[in-house]
């Protein structure tokens, strides 16, 4: 999954995000979703989330589709 649909993302899932500072390079950071920050059902650049370690960025890939719901 590409992370552009809010319905595809749940807290506890492992994802790859792009941090704001890494947007020019596209460097991805891997982590576990703590909170979903985007309210709209879709976003063309990826749904914004906060990871367990506090980092915030836009989801580029959902790695763990079987996270608890």
Protein backbone atom coordinates (compact mmCIF):
# COMPACT_ATOMS: atom_id res chain seq x y z
CA UNK A 1 0.00 0.00 0.00
CA UNK A 2 1.21 3.47 -0.82
CA UNK A 3 0.00 5.44 2.22
CA UNK A 4 -2.31 7.87 0.41
CA UNK A 5 -5.53 6.41 1.87
CA UNK A 6 -6.23 7.10 5.56
CA UNK A 7 -8.33 3.91 5.80
CA UNK A 8 -5.23 1.80 5.00
CA UNK A 9 -3.26 3.07 8.01
CA UNK A 10 -3.74 2.03 11.64
CA UNK A 11 -1.81 2.70 14.86
CA UNK A 12 0.63 -0.15 15.47
CA UNK A 13 1.50 -0.68 11.81
CA UNK A 14 5.05 -0.53 10.57
CA UNK A 15 5.46 2.09 7.84
CA UNK A 16 8.04 4.05 5.91
CA UNK A 17 7.67 7.83 6.06
CA UNK A 18 9.45 10.84 4.59
CA UNK A 19 10.30 13.46 7.19
CA UNK A 20 9.88 17.14 6.26
CA UNK A 21 13.66 17.67 6.26
CA UNK A 22 14.10 14.66 3.93
CA UNK A 23 11.50 15.68 1.33
CA UNK A 24 14.10 17.01 -1.16
CA UNK A 25 16.02 13.71 -1.13
CA UNK A 26 13.11 11.32 -0.55
CA UNK A 27 15.03 9.52 2.23
CA UNK A 28 12.66 7.20 4.10
CA UNK A 29 12.44 6.50 7.82
CA UNK A 30 10.93 3.28 9.13
CA UNK A 31 8.82 3.11 12.27
CA UNK A 32 5.57 2.16 13.98
CA UNK A 33 2.53 4.45 13.79
CA UNK A 34 1.48 6.03 17.10
CA UNK A 35 -1.08 8.55 15.76
CA UNK A 36 -2.64 9.52 12.44
CA UNK A 37 -2.45 13.30 12.02
CA UNK A 38 -4.21 13.79 8.66
CA UNK A 39 -7.99 14.14 9.03
CA UNK A 40 -8.98 13.89 5.36
CA UNK A 41 -9.61 10.41 3.88
CA UNK A 42 -6.86 10.84 1.25
CA UNK A 43 -3.80 12.99 0.63
CA UNK A 44 -1.78 13.10 -2.62
CA UNK A 45 1.59 13.24 -0.81
CA UNK A 46 0.76 10.61 1.82
CA UNK A 47 -1.09 10.56 5.11
CA UNK A 48 0.78 12.41 7.89
CA UNK A 49 1.51 10.28 10.97
CA UNK A 50 3.48 10.40 14.19
CA UNK A 51 5.72 7.41 14.88
CA UNK A 52 6.24 5.77 18.28
CA UNK A 53 9.54 7.69 18.64
CA UNK A 54 7.81 11.05 18.03
CA UNK A 55 8.96 11.67 14.45
CA UNK A 56 6.34 13.10 12.09
CA UNK A 57 6.16 12.55 8.35
CA UNK A 58 4.07 11.40 5.41
CA UNK A 59 3.54 7.69 4.78
CA UNK A 60 5.17 6.41 1.61
CA UNK A 61 4.66 2.68 2.21
CA UNK A 62 2.72 0.49 4.65
CA UNK A 63 4.96 -2.46 5.56
CA UNK A 64 2.76 -4.29 8.08
CA UNK A 65 -0.79 -4.64 6.75
CA UNK A 66 -1.76 -7.10 9.51
CA UNK A 67 -1.48 -4.70 12.48
CA UNK A 68 -4.13 -4.86 15.22
CA UNK A 69 -7.30 -2.89 14.59
